[in-house]
Protein backbone atom coordinates (compact mmCIF):
# COMPACT_ATOMS: atom_id res chain seq x y z
CA MET A 1 0.00 0.00 0.00
CA ILE A 2 3.01 2.33 0.32
CA VAL A 3 4.06 1.92 -3.32
CA VAL A 4 0.98 3.61 -4.81
CA PRO A 5 1.14 6.86 -2.78
CA SER A 6 4.92 7.07 -3.19
CA LEU A 7 4.71 6.76 -6.96
CA THR A 8 1.72 9.13 -7.07
CA VAL A 9 3.63 11.81 -5.17
CA SER A 10 6.63 11.44 -7.46
CA ILE A 11 4.56 11.57 -10.66
CA ILE A 12 2.59 14.62 -9.51
CA THR A 13 5.74 16.43 -8.41
CA PHE A 14 7.70 15.76 -11.55
CA LEU A 15 4.78 16.65 -13.84
CA THR A 16 4.18 19.84 -11.88
CA THR A 17 7.81 20.92 -12.02
CA SER A 18 8.56 19.87 -15.59
CA GLY A 19 9.16 22.87 -17.78
CA VAL A 20 9.63 25.11 -14.75
CA GLY A 21 13.04 26.74 -14.70
CA CYS A 22 15.06 26.14 -11.57
CA HIS A 23 15.25 29.41 -9.65
CA ARG A 24 19.00 29.43 -9.14
CA GLY A 25 18.94 25.68 -8.53
CA THR A 26 16.53 25.61 -5.59
CA LEU A 27 14.13 23.35 -7.47
CA LEU A 28 16.91 20.74 -7.70
CA TYR A 29 16.71 20.35 -3.92
CA PHE A 30 12.98 19.66 -4.03
CA LYS A 31 13.27 17.18 -6.88
CA PHE A 32 16.00 15.28 -5.06
CA ALA A 33 13.92 15.35 -1.88
CA VAL A 34 10.94 13.81 -3.67
CA GLY A 35 13.17 11.16 -5.23
CA SER A 36 14.56 10.30 -1.78
CA PHE A 37 11.04 10.15 -0.36
CA VAL A 38 9.94 7.74 -3.08
CA LEU A 39 13.04 5.56 -2.75
CA SER A 40 12.61 5.41 1.02
CA GLY A 41 8.95 4.45 0.56
CA LEU A 42 9.85 1.70 -1.90
CA MET A 43 12.48 0.38 0.50
CA LEU A 44 9.89 0.41 3.28
CA SER A 45 7.33 -1.39 1.16
CA ALA A 46 9.89 -4.07 0.31
CA THR A 47 10.27 -4.84 4.01
CA GLY A 48 6.52 -5.49 4.19
CA SER A 49 7.20 -8.88 2.66
CA PRO A 50 8.11 -11.44 5.36
CA GLU A 51 10.82 -12.96 3.16
CA VAL A 52 12.55 -9.60 2.80
CA ALA A 53 11.92 -8.52 6.38
CA ARG A 54 13.59 -11.61 7.80
CA VAL A 55 16.77 -10.61 5.96
CA THR A 56 16.68 -6.84 6.56
CA ASP A 57 15.36 -6.62 10.14
CA PHE A 58 17.93 -5.56 12.75
CA THR A 59 20.53 -4.67 10.12
CA TRP A 60 21.91 -1.49 8.54
CA TYR A 61 18.96 -1.51 6.14
CA GLY A 62 16.72 0.34 8.65
CA PRO A 63 19.21 3.19 9.27
CA ALA A 64 19.63 3.52 5.49
CA GLN A 65 15.89 4.20 5.18
CA ASN A 66 16.08 6.72 8.02
CA TYR A 67 18.99 8.55 6.39
CA LEU A 68 17.07 8.79 3.13
CA ARG A 69 14.11 10.29 4.96
CA LEU A 70 16.21 12.56 7.18
CA TYR A 71 18.98 13.78 4.86
CA GLY A 72 17.47 13.02 1.48
CA PHE A 73 13.94 14.27 2.05
CA PHE A 74 13.67 16.58 5.06
CA THR A 75 17.08 18.24 5.07
CA MET A 76 17.24 18.80 1.31
CA THR A 77 13.72 20.27 1.39
CA MET A 78 14.74 22.67 4.16
CA PHE A 79 17.93 23.72 2.33
CA GLY A 80 15.94 24.34 -0.86
CA ALA A 81 13.39 26.40 1.05
CA ALA A 82 16.11 28.41 2.78
CA TYR A 83 17.89 29.10 -0.52
CA TYR A 84 14.60 30.31 -1.98
CA ILE A 85 13.30 32.34 0.99
CA LEU A 86 16.40 33.97 2.51
CA PRO A 87 17.31 36.20 -0.48
CA ARG A 88 13.72 37.45 -0.63
CA VAL A 89 13.65 38.26 3.07
CA ALA A 90 17.06 39.96 2.98
CA GLY A 91 16.40 41.73 -0.31
CA ARG A 92 19.76 40.68 -1.73
CA GLU A 93 21.29 37.68 -3.45
CA PHE A 94 23.76 35.22 -1.97
CA LYS A 95 27.36 36.38 -2.17
CA TRP A 96 28.56 33.09 -3.66
CA PRO A 97 25.77 31.62 -5.84
CA GLY A 98 28.15 28.92 -7.10
CA LEU A 99 28.14 27.41 -3.62
CA LEU A 100 24.42 26.66 -4.01
CA LYS A 101 25.02 24.06 -6.71
CA ALA A 102 28.21 22.82 -5.06
CA HIS A 103 26.22 22.33 -1.86
CA PHE A 104 23.55 20.46 -3.79
CA LEU A 105 26.13 18.15 -5.35
CA CYS A 106 27.80 17.48 -1.99
CA GLY A 107 24.46 16.93 -0.26
CA SER A 108 22.92 14.68 -2.89
CA ILE A 109 26.02 12.59 -3.57
CA GLY A 110 26.72 12.41 0.17
CA THR A 111 23.18 11.22 0.90
CA LEU A 112 23.39 8.53 -1.77
CA LEU A 113 26.87 7.46 -0.60
CA LEU A 114 25.49 7.19 2.92
CA ALA A 115 22.14 5.51 2.36
CA LEU A 116 22.73 3.11 -0.54
CA PRO A 117 25.87 1.39 0.84
CA LEU A 118 24.16 1.02 4.21
CA ALA A 119 21.17 -0.61 2.52
CA ALA A 120 23.53 -3.00 0.71
CA ALA A 121 25.37 -3.63 3.98
CA GLY A 122 22.05 -4.47 5.60
CA VAL A 123 21.25 -7.07 2.95
CA VAL A 124 24.73 -8.63 3.20
CA GLN A 125 24.54 -8.55 6.97
CA GLY A 126 21.06 -10.08 6.96
CA PHE A 127 22.02 -13.03 4.78
CA LYS A 128 25.08 -13.73 6.92
CA LEU A 129 23.06 -13.48 10.13
CA LEU A 130 20.72 -16.17 8.81
CA ASP A 131 23.63 -18.59 8.52
CA PRO A 132 24.37 -20.00 12.01
CA ASN A 133 27.82 -21.20 10.89
CA ILE A 134 29.11 -17.63 10.44
CA ALA A 135 30.47 -15.96 13.57
CA PHE A 136 28.97 -12.63 14.53
CA VAL A 137 32.39 -10.96 14.35
CA ASP A 138 32.68 -12.05 10.70
CA VAL A 139 29.22 -10.66 10.02
CA SER A 140 30.30 -7.32 11.45
CA LYS A 141 33.55 -7.35 9.48
CA SER A 142 31.65 -7.95 6.24
CA THR A 143 30.00 -4.53 6.54
CA LEU A 144 33.16 -2.48 7.15
CA MET A 145 33.68 -1.42 3.52
CA PHE A 146 30.06 -0.24 3.27
CA LEU A 147 30.47 1.74 6.48
CA ARG A 148 33.64 3.40 5.15
CA VAL A 149 31.80 4.54 2.03
CA GLY A 150 28.98 5.78 4.27
CA THR A 151 31.51 7.82 6.25
CA LEU A 152 32.62 9.47 3.02
CA GLY A 153 28.96 10.33 2.40
CA GLU A 154 28.68 11.91 5.83
CA LEU A 155 31.79 14.00 5.16
CA LEU A 156 30.27 15.26 1.90
CA ILE A 157 27.04 16.15 3.72
CA ALA A 158 29.05 18.07 6.34
CA LEU A 159 31.01 19.89 3.61
CA GLY A 160 27.74 20.91 1.94
CA ALA A 161 26.35 22.18 5.24
CA LEU A 162 29.51 24.25 5.70
CA MET A 163 28.99 25.80 2.25
CA PHE A 164 25.42 26.65 3.26
CA LEU A 165 26.65 28.24 6.48
CA LEU A 166 29.20 30.39 4.62
CA ASN A 167 26.56 31.59 2.18
CA VAL A 168 24.06 32.43 4.92
CA VAL A 169 26.64 34.24 7.09
CA ALA A 170 27.80 36.30 4.08
CA LEU A 171 24.17 37.11 3.21
CA MET A 172 23.41 38.21 6.78
CA ALA A 173 26.61 40.28 7.01
CA GLY A 174 25.76 42.04 3.73
CA TYR A 175 22.20 42.65 4.90
CA TYR A 176 23.24 44.19 8.23
CA CYS A 177 25.94 46.31 6.56
CA ALA A 178 23.30 47.66 4.15
CA VAL A 179 20.91 48.38 7.04
CA LEU A 180 23.62 50.25 8.97
CA SER A 181 24.64 52.19 5.86
CA THR A 182 21.04 53.21 5.21
CA ALA A 183 20.56 54.25 8.84
CA ARG A 184 23.73 56.33 8.75
CA LYS A 185 22.67 57.98 5.48
CA ASP A 186 19.22 58.76 6.94
CA MET A 187 20.78 60.31 10.03
CA THR A 188 23.07 62.54 7.97
CA THR A 189 20.24 63.67 5.67
CA VAL A 190 18.11 64.61 8.68
CA LEU A 191 20.85 66.87 10.02
CA GLU A 192 21.70 68.58 6.72
CA PRO A 193 18.34 70.32 6.02
CA SER A 194 18.28 71.93 9.48
CA GLU A 195 21.77 73.35 8.88
CA ALA A 196 20.70 74.69 5.47
CA LYS A 197 17.78 76.67 7.03
CA ALA A 198 20.05 78.35 9.52
């Protein structure tokens, strides 16, 4: 029952946004978020089958789904919204617009490098856990390479968040400098007319 709503959401979103130009790349964030939502829903629906669930339960497969929902869907949606809303609130553009797409690349690749290897690790781990002849230590060792790739994904996500922070701090600094400059100009113009009358 999860497959139908997931696919419906993805079809509606992609048909709605097709032909719409990306406003400085912010739409990319929303499209990736919807794709992550759908992939997470399909992964969840796969675990509804008892044959699949007996392999994936209590493995890295569950955290992989959570990372897709957390980083892929929620976080990317919030970054896209912030990139769209903040320039309108501040009345100025981001100082480094190239960081927007670099952040998107780091965030999307990082999310995929985190979630997909963990899902694969969960399947490998699940099949090995079903075999009573394999020691638990060997089961844990079999997932190390997947975890290393996942760590690389987390580093890319952190790098993207740092790019976002730099852009937001530069935007806020520019905004407050403009506000102070305007206030100073208003104060000097208020004083000048009174001196001219005298």
